[in-house]
Amino acid sequence: MMIKTETNSRAAVTVRRTDGTVETVETKHIWITDALFGRMATATKAAGRGELLSYTNPEVEAEELRCHRCNTAVDESAYSQTEQMWFGGGPVKATTHYCAPCARTLKAMGEMQERAR
């Protein structure tokens, strides 16, 4: 199983300036969603800085799916936990995978924490 990881670059927007020139500008955002682009376009136009035409997010590269604790290669059937995180101005789901031994360790740790409460 291959997963996609982002590079360290930033998202970029193409803007038509008020003098008619078109340029591509790197933003402070790592990732732009359609909703965020809409807000950016409205703000840019209201500020009189031009019109946003499009956006591009960083290219992603594939890498092998690995256990989050021990870095052992795993497949899609491996135990996983999914959390919601904020990324690029909106919520995204992040899934972390664990090999069988690490999953057993995490389960035992969780059970110990429950007994301690």
N, C-alpha and C. Protein backbone atom coordinates (compact mmCIF):
# COMPACT_ATOMS: atom_id res chain seq x y z
N MET A 1 0.85 -1.19 0.00
CA MET A 1 0.00 0.00 0.00
C MET A 1 0.88 1.24 0.00
N MET A 2 0.56 2.18 -0.83
CA MET A 2 1.29 3.44 -0.89
C MET A 2 0.41 4.56 -0.35
N ILE A 3 1.01 5.49 0.35
CA ILE A 3 0.29 6.66 0.82
C ILE A 3 0.94 7.89 0.23
N LYS A 4 0.22 8.98 0.26
CA LYS A 4 0.75 10.23 -0.29
C LYS A 4 1.20 11.13 0.85
N THR A 5 2.35 11.73 0.68
CA THR A 5 2.83 12.71 1.66
C THR A 5 3.15 13.99 0.92
N GLU A 6 2.98 15.08 1.62
CA GLU A 6 3.20 16.37 1.00
C GLU A 6 4.66 16.78 1.06
N THR A 7 5.04 17.58 0.11
CA THR A 7 6.38 18.15 0.13
C THR A 7 6.37 19.36 1.06
N ASN A 8 7.49 19.98 1.26
CA ASN A 8 7.58 21.13 2.15
C ASN A 8 7.18 22.44 1.47
N SER A 9 6.72 22.40 0.25
CA SER A 9 6.36 23.63 -0.45
C SER A 9 4.98 24.13 -0.01
N ARG A 10 4.63 25.29 -0.48
CA ARG A 10 3.36 25.94 -0.13
C ARG A 10 2.44 25.98 -1.34
N ALA A 11 1.17 26.22 -1.07
CA ALA A 11 0.19 26.38 -2.14
C ALA A 11 0.44 27.71 -2.84
N ALA A 12 0.04 27.80 -4.10
CA ALA A 12 0.24 29.02 -4.88
C ALA A 12 -1.08 29.43 -5.52
N VAL A 13 -1.21 30.72 -5.78
CA VAL A 13 -2.39 31.25 -6.47
C VAL A 13 -1.93 32.01 -7.70
N THR A 14 -2.77 31.98 -8.74
CA THR A 14 -2.54 32.79 -9.93
C THR A 14 -3.47 33.98 -9.84
N VAL A 15 -2.88 35.18 -9.96
CA VAL A 15 -3.65 36.41 -9.78
C VAL A 15 -3.47 37.33 -10.97
N ARG A 16 -4.57 37.93 -11.40
CA ARG A 16 -4.52 38.98 -12.43
C ARG A 16 -4.54 40.30 -11.68
N ARG A 17 -3.44 41.01 -11.76
CA ARG A 17 -3.32 42.29 -11.05
C ARG A 17 -4.17 43.36 -11.73
N THR A 18 -4.37 44.46 -11.06
CA THR A 18 -5.22 45.54 -11.59
C THR A 18 -4.65 46.15 -12.86
N ASP A 19 -3.32 46.02 -13.08
CA ASP A 19 -2.73 46.56 -14.32
C ASP A 19 -2.78 45.55 -15.46
N GLY A 20 -3.41 44.38 -15.23
CA GLY A 20 -3.58 43.37 -16.28
C GLY A 20 -2.53 42.27 -16.29
N THR A 21 -1.46 42.42 -15.53
CA THR A 21 -0.44 41.37 -15.50
C THR A 21 -0.95 40.17 -14.72
N VAL A 22 -0.50 39.00 -15.12
CA VAL A 22 -0.88 37.77 -14.45
C VAL A 22 0.38 37.17 -13.85
N GLU A 23 0.31 36.80 -12.57
CA GLU A 23 1.46 36.20 -11.91
C GLU A 23 1.02 35.10 -10.97
N THR A 24 1.95 34.20 -10.68
CA THR A 24 1.71 33.14 -9.71
C THR A 24 2.47 33.49 -8.45
N VAL A 25 1.76 33.44 -7.32
CA VAL A 25 2.33 33.85 -6.04
C VAL A 25 2.22 32.70 -5.05
N GLU A 26 3.33 32.38 -4.38
CA GLU A 26 3.30 31.37 -3.32
C GLU A 26 2.63 31.97 -2.09
N THR A 27 1.73 31.23 -1.46
CA THR A 27 0.99 31.73 -0.30
C THR A 27 1.63 31.25 0.99
N LYS A 28 1.09 31.71 2.11
CA LYS A 28 1.53 31.23 3.42
C LYS A 28 0.88 29.90 3.77
N HIS A 29 -0.10 29.50 2.98
CA HIS A 29 -0.87 28.29 3.25
C HIS A 29 -0.17 27.05 2.70
N ILE A 30 -0.23 25.97 3.46
CA ILE A 30 0.33 24.71 2.99
C ILE A 30 -0.62 24.06 1.99
N TRP A 31 -1.92 24.20 2.22
CA TRP A 31 -2.93 23.57 1.38
C TRP A 31 -4.12 24.51 1.28
N ILE A 32 -4.69 24.65 0.10
CA ILE A 32 -5.85 25.52 -0.10
C ILE A 32 -7.05 24.66 -0.50
N THR A 33 -8.17 24.89 0.15
CA THR A 33 -9.43 24.24 -0.21
C THR A 33 -10.24 25.21 -1.06
N ASP A 34 -11.32 24.71 -1.68
CA ASP A 34 -12.18 25.58 -2.47
C ASP A 34 -12.77 26.70 -1.62
N ALA A 35 -13.16 26.37 -0.39
CA ALA A 35 -13.74 27.37 0.51
C ALA A 35 -12.72 28.45 0.85
N LEU A 36 -11.51 28.05 1.17
CA LEU A 36 -10.47 29.02 1.49
C LEU A 36 -10.14 29.88 0.28
N PHE A 37 -10.07 29.27 -0.90
CA PHE A 37 -9.80 30.04 -2.12
C PHE A 37 -10.88 31.09 -2.34
N GLY A 38 -12.13 30.74 -2.10
CA GLY A 38 -13.23 31.70 -2.25
C GLY A 38 -13.06 32.90 -1.32
N ARG A 39 -12.69 32.64 -0.07
CA ARG A 39 -12.46 33.74 0.88
C ARG A 39 -11.27 34.59 0.45
N MET A 40 -10.22 33.94 -0.03
CA MET A 40 -9.03 34.67 -0.48
C MET A 40 -9.37 35.55 -1.68
N ALA A 41 -10.15 35.00 -2.62
CA ALA A 41 -10.52 35.75 -3.82
C ALA A 41 -11.35 36.98 -3.47
N THR A 42 -12.29 36.82 -2.54
CA THR A 42 -13.13 37.94 -2.12
C THR A 42 -12.29 39.02 -1.45
N ALA A 43 -11.39 38.61 -0.57
CA ALA A 43 -10.55 39.57 0.15
C ALA A 43 -9.59 40.30 -0.79
N THR A 44 -9.02 39.56 -1.76
CA THR A 44 -8.09 40.18 -2.71
C THR A 44 -8.81 41.23 -3.56
N LYS A 45 -10.00 40.88 -4.03
CA LYS A 45 -10.77 41.81 -4.86
C LYS A 45 -11.20 43.04 -4.05
N ALA A 46 -11.65 42.81 -2.80
CA ALA A 46 -12.09 43.92 -1.94
C ALA A 46 -10.93 44.87 -1.61
N ALA A 47 -9.72 44.33 -1.54
CA ALA A 47 -8.54 45.16 -1.23
C ALA A 47 -8.02 45.89 -2.47
N GLY A 48 -8.60 45.61 -3.63
CA GLY A 48 -8.16 46.26 -4.86
C GLY A 48 -6.81 45.76 -5.35
N ARG A 49 -6.49 44.51 -5.05
CA ARG A 49 -5.18 43.95 -5.42
C ARG A 49 -5.25 43.04 -6.64
N GLY A 50 -6.42 42.91 -7.23
CA GLY A 50 -6.56 42.09 -8.42
C GLY A 50 -7.61 41.01 -8.25
N GLU A 51 -7.55 40.03 -9.16
CA GLU A 51 -8.53 38.95 -9.18
C GLU A 51 -7.80 37.62 -9.15
N LEU A 52 -8.14 36.76 -8.19
CA LEU A 52 -7.54 35.43 -8.14
C LEU A 52 -8.17 34.55 -9.21
N LEU A 53 -7.34 33.90 -10.01
CA LEU A 53 -7.84 33.09 -11.11
C LEU A 53 -7.88 31.60 -10.78
N SER A 54 -6.85 31.12 -10.06
CA SER A 54 -6.79 29.69 -9.75
C SER A 54 -5.81 29.47 -8.61
N TYR A 55 -5.78 28.23 -8.12
CA TYR A 55 -4.80 27.86 -7.11
C TYR A 55 -4.23 26.48 -7.40
N THR A 56 -3.05 26.23 -6.90
CA THR A 56 -2.44 24.90 -7.00
C THR A 56 -1.88 24.53 -5.63
N ASN A 57 -2.10 23.30 -5.25
CA ASN A 57 -1.54 22.78 -4.01
C ASN A 57 -0.24 22.06 -4.31
N PRO A 58 0.60 21.85 -3.29
CA PRO A 58 1.88 21.18 -3.54
C PRO A 58 1.67 19.79 -4.11
N GLU A 59 2.61 19.36 -4.93
CA GLU A 59 2.56 17.99 -5.44
C GLU A 59 2.84 17.04 -4.29
N VAL A 60 2.30 15.86 -4.40
CA VAL A 60 2.53 14.86 -3.35
C VAL A 60 3.32 13.70 -3.94
N GLU A 61 4.05 13.02 -3.08
CA GLU A 61 4.81 11.87 -3.53
C GLU A 61 4.35 10.66 -2.72
N ALA A 62 4.43 9.50 -3.31
CA ALA A 62 3.97 8.28 -2.65
C ALA A 62 5.10 7.64 -1.85
N GLU A 63 4.72 7.07 -0.73
CA GLU A 63 5.68 6.31 0.06
C GLU A 63 4.95 5.12 0.67
N GLU A 64 5.71 4.17 1.15
CA GLU A 64 5.13 2.95 1.70
C GLU A 64 4.45 3.24 3.03
N LEU A 65 3.31 2.58 3.26
CA LEU A 65 2.57 2.71 4.51
C LEU A 65 3.35 2.03 5.62
N ARG A 66 3.58 2.73 6.76
CA ARG A 66 4.41 2.21 7.84
C ARG A 66 3.74 2.41 9.19
N CYS A 67 4.14 1.57 10.16
CA CYS A 67 3.67 1.66 11.55
C CYS A 67 4.15 2.99 12.13
N HIS A 68 3.26 3.68 12.80
CA HIS A 68 3.59 4.98 13.38
C HIS A 68 4.59 4.87 14.54
N ARG A 69 4.60 3.74 15.25
CA ARG A 69 5.49 3.58 16.42
C ARG A 69 6.86 3.02 16.05
N CYS A 70 6.90 1.96 15.25
CA CYS A 70 8.18 1.26 15.02
C CYS A 70 8.68 1.35 13.58
N ASN A 71 7.89 1.94 12.70
CA ASN A 71 8.28 2.16 11.30
C ASN A 71 8.34 0.88 10.47
N THR A 72 7.70 -0.18 10.93
CA THR A 72 7.62 -1.42 10.17
C THR A 72 6.59 -1.26 9.05
N ALA A 73 6.87 -1.81 7.88
CA ALA A 73 5.92 -1.74 6.77
C ALA A 73 4.64 -2.49 7.13
N VAL A 74 3.49 -1.89 6.85
CA VAL A 74 2.19 -2.50 7.11
C VAL A 74 1.32 -2.36 5.87
N ASP A 75 0.19 -3.06 5.85
CA ASP A 75 -0.75 -2.91 4.74
C ASP A 75 -2.03 -2.25 5.25
N GLU A 76 -2.99 -2.10 4.34
CA GLU A 76 -4.23 -1.40 4.68
C GLU A 76 -5.04 -2.10 5.76
N SER A 77 -4.84 -3.41 5.95
CA SER A 77 -5.61 -4.13 6.95
C SER A 77 -5.06 -3.94 8.37
N ALA A 78 -3.94 -3.23 8.50
CA ALA A 78 -3.34 -3.00 9.82
C ALA A 78 -4.26 -2.15 10.68
N TYR A 79 -4.13 -2.31 11.99
CA TYR A 79 -4.90 -1.50 12.94
C TYR A 79 -4.61 -0.02 12.69
N SER A 80 -5.64 0.80 12.76
CA SER A 80 -5.43 2.23 12.52
C SER A 80 -6.34 3.05 13.43
N GLN A 81 -5.93 4.28 13.67
CA GLN A 81 -6.72 5.25 14.42
C GLN A 81 -6.87 6.48 13.54
N THR A 82 -8.07 7.05 13.52
CA THR A 82 -8.32 8.24 12.70
C THR A 82 -8.69 9.40 13.60
N GLU A 83 -8.06 10.53 13.38
CA GLU A 83 -8.34 11.74 14.12
C GLU A 83 -8.66 12.86 13.14
N GLN A 84 -9.38 13.86 13.61
CA GLN A 84 -9.64 15.03 12.79
C GLN A 84 -8.67 16.13 13.19
N MET A 85 -8.00 16.72 12.20
CA MET A 85 -7.05 17.79 12.44
C MET A 85 -7.40 18.96 11.54
N TRP A 86 -6.92 20.15 11.88
CA TRP A 86 -7.11 21.32 11.03
C TRP A 86 -5.90 21.47 10.13
N PHE A 87 -6.15 21.60 8.83
CA PHE A 87 -5.07 21.70 7.87
C PHE A 87 -5.54 22.52 6.69
N GLY A 88 -4.81 23.56 6.35
CA GLY A 88 -5.17 24.38 5.20
C GLY A 88 -6.48 25.12 5.36
N GLY A 89 -6.84 25.48 6.58
CA GLY A 89 -8.05 26.24 6.81
C GLY A 89 -9.31 25.41 6.99
N GLY A 90 -9.16 24.09 7.06
CA GLY A 90 -10.33 23.25 7.24
C GLY A 90 -9.98 21.93 7.87
N PRO A 91 -11.00 21.20 8.33
CA PRO A 91 -10.74 19.91 8.97
C PRO A 91 -10.41 18.82 7.95
N VAL A 92 -9.45 17.99 8.30
CA VAL A 92 -9.11 16.82 7.49
C VAL A 92 -8.94 15.64 8.43
N LYS A 93 -9.17 14.45 7.91
CA LYS A 93 -8.97 13.25 8.72
C LYS A 93 -7.55 12.74 8.52
N ALA A 94 -6.89 12.45 9.63
CA ALA A 94 -5.54 11.88 9.59
C ALA A 94 -5.60 10.48 10.17
N THR A 95 -5.12 9.51 9.42
CA THR A 95 -5.15 8.12 9.86
C THR A 95 -3.73 7.65 10.15
N THR A 96 -3.56 7.06 11.33
CA THR A 96 -2.27 6.52 11.75
C THR A 96 -2.39 5.01 11.82
N HIS A 97 -1.45 4.29 11.21
CA HIS A 97 -1.48 2.82 11.19
C HIS A 97 -0.45 2.24 12.15
N TYR A 98 -0.77 1.05 12.67
CA TYR A 98 0.12 0.36 13.61
C TYR A 98 0.22 -1.12 13.23
N CYS A 99 1.42 -1.69 13.39
CA CYS A 99 1.60 -3.13 13.17
C CYS A 99 0.94 -3.88 14.33
N ALA A 100 0.79 -5.20 14.21
CA ALA A 100 0.10 -6.00 15.23
C ALA A 100 0.75 -5.89 16.61
N PRO A 101 2.09 -6.03 16.76
CA PRO A 101 2.68 -5.90 18.09
C PRO A 101 2.45 -4.53 18.72
N CYS A 102 2.57 -3.47 17.94
CA CYS A 102 2.36 -2.12 18.48
C CYS A 102 0.89 -1.90 18.82
N ALA A 103 -0.01 -2.47 18.03
CA ALA A 103 -1.44 -2.35 18.31
C ALA A 103 -1.77 -3.03 19.64
N ARG A 104 -1.17 -4.21 19.89
CA ARG A 104 -1.39 -4.90 21.17
C ARG A 104 -0.86 -4.05 22.33
N THR A 105 0.31 -3.45 22.14
CA THR A 105 0.89 -2.59 23.18
C THR A 105 -0.01 -1.40 23.47
N LEU A 106 -0.51 -0.75 22.42
CA LEU A 106 -1.40 0.40 22.61
C LEU A 106 -2.69 0.00 23.31
N LYS A 107 -3.22 -1.17 22.96
CA LYS A 107 -4.45 -1.65 23.59
C LYS A 107 -4.20 -1.90 25.08
N ALA A 108 -3.09 -2.52 25.41
CA ALA A 108 -2.76 -2.78 26.82
C ALA A 108 -2.57 -1.48 27.59
N MET A 109 -1.93 -0.50 26.97
CA MET A 109 -1.73 0.80 27.61
C MET A 109 -3.08 1.48 27.87
N GLY A 110 -3.98 1.39 26.92
CA GLY A 110 -5.32 1.97 27.09
C GLY A 110 -6.08 1.30 28.21
N GLU A 111 -5.97 -0.02 28.30
CA GLU A 111 -6.65 -0.75 29.36
C GLU A 111 -6.09 -0.37 30.73
N MET A 112 -4.78 -0.19 30.82
CA MET A 112 -4.15 0.22 32.08
C MET A 112 -4.63 1.61 32.49
N GLN A 113 -4.76 2.51 31.52
CA GLN A 113 -5.23 3.86 31.82
C GLN A 113 -6.68 3.84 32.30
N GLU A 114 -7.49 2.97 31.72
CA GLU A 114 -8.89 2.87 32.14
C GLU A 114 -8.98 2.35 33.57
N ARG A 115 -8.16 1.35 33.92
CA ARG A 115 -8.17 0.81 35.28
C ARG A 115 -7.69 1.83 36.29
N ALA A 116 -6.79 2.73 35.88
CA ALA A 116 -6.25 3.73 36.80
C ALA A 116 -7.24 4.84 37.11
N ARG A 117 -8.28 4.96 36.33
CA ARG A 117 -9.26 6.05 36.54
C ARG A 117 -10.19 5.76 37.66
